[in-house]
Amino acid sequence: MARVAALIPDLLFGSKVQAALRAAGHEVDLVSGDVEAWAQADGIDVLVVDLTADEADAIALVETLAAGGGLGGARTLGFFAHVHPEVRDRALAAGFDRVVPRSRMAREGPALVADLAQRSG
């Protein structure tokens, strides 16, 4: 399955996502901020990020990683609060592979990650 780094500062939701992804067979590391996400980006299949986290500017992080080749073929999956569709638009413009509402991430996270991992390279 996929090797995943997840930048999800909300511990409760992060644990829920991590457990669901692990139950589906994915290898998951929760990362706590930009620096750790940057360090983990090489060697993963999918980078999952909470686009609403105050602790990190995930959109800028992915823009920087992608521009410098730091994603190494990893795919990006962002999730946002449905009441902020402008965040989705900014993330897609920045180059995220997929951006979904938080509720969809909760329901379909393992399938979304599996689909993106098949396309990593």
C-alpha atoms as a PDB file:
ATOM      1  CA  MET A   1       0.000   0.000   0.000  1.00  0.00           C
ATOM      2  CA  ALA A   2       0.978   3.659   0.228  1.00  0.00           C
ATOM      3  CA  ARG A   3       3.544   5.453   2.354  1.00  0.00           C
ATOM      4  CA  VAL A   4       1.788   8.551   3.694  1.00  0.00           C
ATOM      5  CA  ALA A   5       2.862  11.656   5.585  1.00  0.00           C
ATOM      6  CA  ALA A   6      -0.092  13.492   7.119  1.00  0.00           C
ATOM      7  CA  LEU A   7       0.172  17.104   8.246  1.00  0.00           C
ATOM      8  CA  ILE A   8      -2.913  17.231  10.485  1.00  0.00           C
ATOM      9  CA  PRO A   9      -2.335  19.279  13.645  1.00  0.00           C
ATOM     10  CA  ASP A  10      -5.816  18.482  15.021  1.00  0.00           C
ATOM     11  CA  LEU A  11      -4.818  15.484  17.163  1.00  0.00           C
ATOM     12  CA  LEU A  12      -8.280  13.953  17.328  1.00  0.00           C
ATOM     13  CA  PHE A  13      -8.965  14.123  13.597  1.00  0.00           C
ATOM     14  CA  GLY A  14      -5.355  13.243  12.789  1.00  0.00           C
ATOM     15  CA  SER A  15      -5.602  10.099  14.896  1.00  0.00           C
ATOM     16  CA  LYS A  16      -8.874   9.183  13.198  1.00  0.00           C
ATOM     17  CA  VAL A  17      -7.351   9.613   9.733  1.00  0.00           C
ATOM     18  CA  GLN A  18      -4.202   7.748  10.750  1.00  0.00           C
ATOM     19  CA  ALA A  19      -6.206   4.808  12.146  1.00  0.00           C
ATOM     20  CA  ALA A  20      -8.417   4.578   9.046  1.00  0.00           C
ATOM     21  CA  LEU A  21      -5.429   4.683   6.697  1.00  0.00           C
ATOM     22  CA  ARG A  22      -3.512   2.087   8.726  1.00  0.00           C
ATOM     23  CA  ALA A  23      -6.559  -0.197   8.840  1.00  0.00           C
ATOM     24  CA  ALA A  24      -6.573  -0.047   5.030  1.00  0.00           C
ATOM     25  CA  GLY A  25      -2.917  -1.119   4.974  1.00  0.00           C
ATOM     26  CA  HIS A  26      -1.219   2.228   4.432  1.00  0.00           C
ATOM     27  CA  GLU A  27       1.937   3.194   6.318  1.00  0.00           C
ATOM     28  CA  VAL A  28       1.208   6.570   7.956  1.00  0.00           C
ATOM     29  CA  ASP A  29       3.315   9.121   9.833  1.00  0.00           C
ATOM     30  CA  LEU A  30       1.669  12.166  11.367  1.00  0.00           C
ATOM     31  CA  VAL A  31       3.871  15.229  11.017  1.00  0.00           C
ATOM     32  CA  SER A  32       3.559  18.320  13.151  1.00  0.00           C
ATOM     33  CA  GLY A  33       4.549  21.208  10.905  1.00  0.00           C
ATOM     34  CA  ASP A  34       6.145  22.534   7.726  1.00  0.00           C
ATOM     35  CA  VAL A  35       9.699  21.504   8.600  1.00  0.00           C
ATOM     36  CA  GLU A  36       8.777  17.935   9.449  1.00  0.00           C
ATOM     37  CA  ALA A  37       6.526  17.649   6.388  1.00  0.00           C
ATOM     38  CA  TRP A  38       9.381  18.913   4.224  1.00  0.00           C
ATOM     39  CA  ALA A  39      11.730  16.305   5.703  1.00  0.00           C
ATOM     40  CA  GLN A  40       9.194  13.498   5.164  1.00  0.00           C
ATOM     41  CA  ALA A  41       8.246  14.477   1.594  1.00  0.00           C
ATOM     42  CA  ASP A  42      11.044  12.501  -0.018  1.00  0.00           C
ATOM     43  CA  GLY A  43      10.190   8.812  -0.070  1.00  0.00           C
ATOM     44  CA  ILE A  44       6.435   8.995   0.398  1.00  0.00           C
ATOM     45  CA  ASP A  45       3.635   8.232  -2.022  1.00  0.00           C
ATOM     46  CA  VAL A  46       1.041  10.688  -0.697  1.00  0.00           C
ATOM     47  CA  LEU A  47       1.202  13.860   1.392  1.00  0.00           C
ATOM     48  CA  VAL A  48      -2.108  14.527   3.169  1.00  0.00           C
ATOM     49  CA  VAL A  49      -2.568  18.019   4.572  1.00  0.00           C
ATOM     50  CA  ASP A  50      -5.152  19.912   6.571  1.00  0.00           C
ATOM     51  CA  LEU A  51      -5.556  23.129   4.607  1.00  0.00           C
ATOM     52  CA  THR A  52      -7.143  24.919   7.528  1.00  0.00           C
ATOM     53  CA  ALA A  53      -4.339  24.300  10.040  1.00  0.00           C
ATOM     54  CA  ASP A  54      -3.002  27.465  11.631  1.00  0.00           C
ATOM     55  CA  GLU A  55       0.287  25.755  12.475  1.00  0.00           C
ATOM     56  CA  ALA A  56       1.386  25.468   8.851  1.00  0.00           C
ATOM     57  CA  ASP A  57       0.711  27.108   5.505  1.00  0.00           C
ATOM     58  CA  ALA A  58       0.189  23.851   3.658  1.00  0.00           C
ATOM     59  CA  ILE A  59      -0.563  25.559   0.362  1.00  0.00           C
ATOM     60  CA  ALA A  60       2.736  27.452   0.421  1.00  0.00           C
ATOM     61  CA  LEU A  61       4.550  24.302   1.531  1.00  0.00           C
ATOM     62  CA  VAL A  62       3.277  22.274  -1.432  1.00  0.00           C
ATOM     63  CA  GLU A  63       3.986  25.131  -3.848  1.00  0.00           C
ATOM     64  CA  THR A  64       7.571  25.316  -2.588  1.00  0.00           C
ATOM     65  CA  LEU A  65       8.096  21.545  -2.609  1.00  0.00           C
ATOM     66  CA  ALA A  66       6.656  21.183  -6.101  1.00  0.00           C
ATOM     67  CA  ALA A  67       8.686  24.081  -7.501  1.00  0.00           C
ATOM     68  CA  GLY A  68      11.924  22.658  -6.115  1.00  0.00           C
ATOM     69  CA  GLY A  69      11.212  19.042  -7.026  1.00  0.00           C
ATOM     70  CA  GLY A  70      10.963  18.175  -3.335  1.00  0.00           C
ATOM     71  CA  LEU A  71       7.839  16.073  -3.708  1.00  0.00           C
ATOM     72  CA  GLY A  72       9.778  13.423  -5.590  1.00  0.00           C
ATOM     73  CA  GLY A  73       6.692  12.101  -7.346  1.00  0.00           C
ATOM     74  CA  ALA A  74       4.497  12.099  -4.248  1.00  0.00           C
ATOM     75  CA  ARG A  75       0.866  13.056  -4.770  1.00  0.00           C
ATOM     76  CA  THR A  76      -0.878  15.627  -2.623  1.00  0.00           C
ATOM     77  CA  LEU A  77      -4.275  15.416  -0.963  1.00  0.00           C
ATOM     78  CA  GLY A  78      -5.646  18.410   0.886  1.00  0.00           C
ATOM     79  CA  PHE A  79      -8.831  18.758   2.855  1.00  0.00           C
ATOM     80  CA  PHE A  80     -10.708  21.902   3.868  1.00  0.00           C
ATOM     81  CA  ALA A  81     -13.765  23.075   5.768  1.00  0.00           C
ATOM     82  CA  HIS A  82     -16.683  23.115   3.314  1.00  0.00           C
ATOM     83  CA  VAL A  83     -17.588  26.638   4.402  1.00  0.00           C
ATOM     84  CA  HIS A  84     -14.317  27.911   2.886  1.00  0.00           C
ATOM     85  CA  PRO A  85     -14.405  26.954  -0.809  1.00  0.00           C
ATOM     86  CA  GLU A  86     -11.825  29.646  -1.556  1.00  0.00           C
ATOM     87  CA  VAL A  87      -9.268  27.452   0.248  1.00  0.00           C
ATOM     88  CA  ARG A  88     -10.044  24.638  -2.204  1.00  0.00           C
ATOM     89  CA  ASP A  89      -9.548  27.011  -5.133  1.00  0.00           C
ATOM     90  CA  ARG A  90      -6.197  28.268  -3.784  1.00  0.00           C
ATOM     91  CA  ALA A  91      -4.972  24.721  -3.187  1.00  0.00           C
ATOM     92  CA  LEU A  92      -5.899  23.532  -6.660  1.00  0.00           C
ATOM     93  CA  ALA A  93      -4.234  26.595  -8.175  1.00  0.00           C
ATOM     94  CA  ALA A  94      -1.110  25.800  -6.129  1.00  0.00           C
ATOM     95  CA  GLY A  95      -0.898  22.330  -7.653  1.00  0.00           C
ATOM     96  CA  PHE A  96      -2.592  19.971  -5.209  1.00  0.00           C
ATOM     97  CA  ASP A  97      -3.576  16.743  -6.941  1.00  0.00           C
ATOM     98  CA  ARG A  98      -6.862  16.443  -5.073  1.00  0.00           C
ATOM     99  CA  VAL A  99      -8.714  18.675  -2.608  1.00  0.00           C
ATOM    100  CA  VAL A 100     -11.781  17.437  -0.752  1.00  0.00           C
ATOM    101  CA  PRO A 101     -14.024  18.620   2.079  1.00  0.00           C
ATOM    102  CA  ARG A 102     -13.055  17.403   5.542  1.00  0.00           C
ATOM    103  CA  SER A 103     -16.210  15.252   5.695  1.00  0.00           C
ATOM    104  CA  ARG A 104     -15.171  13.390   2.543  1.00  0.00           C
ATOM    105  CA  MET A 105     -11.694  12.857   3.967  1.00  0.00           C
ATOM    106  CA  ALA A 106     -13.297  11.290   7.052  1.00  0.00           C
ATOM    107  CA  ARG A 107     -15.503   8.988   4.948  1.00  0.00           C
ATOM    108  CA  GLU A 108     -13.239   8.124   2.019  1.00  0.00           C
ATOM    109  CA  GLY A 109      -9.671   8.815   3.162  1.00  0.00           C
ATOM    110  CA  PRO A 110      -8.268   5.326   2.530  1.00  0.00           C
ATOM    111  CA  ALA A 111      -9.778   5.130  -0.964  1.00  0.00           C
ATOM    112  CA  LEU A 112      -8.608   8.645  -1.852  1.00  0.00           C
ATOM    113  CA  VAL A 113      -5.065   7.828  -0.727  1.00  0.00           C
ATOM    114  CA  ALA A 114      -5.057   4.492  -2.577  1.00  0.00           C
ATOM    115  CA  ASP A 115      -6.190   6.187  -5.796  1.00  0.00           C
ATOM    116  CA  LEU A 116      -3.500   8.860  -5.559  1.00  0.00           C
ATOM    117  CA  ALA A 117      -0.802   6.338  -4.609  1.00  0.00           C
ATOM    118  CA  GLN A 118      -1.480   4.376  -7.790  1.00  0.00           C
ATOM    119  CA  ARG A 119      -0.577   7.520  -9.722  1.00  0.00           C
ATOM    120  CA  SER A 120       2.572   8.444  -7.766  1.00  0.00           C
ATOM    121  CA  GLY A 121       5.883   7.937  -9.320  1.00  0.00           C
END
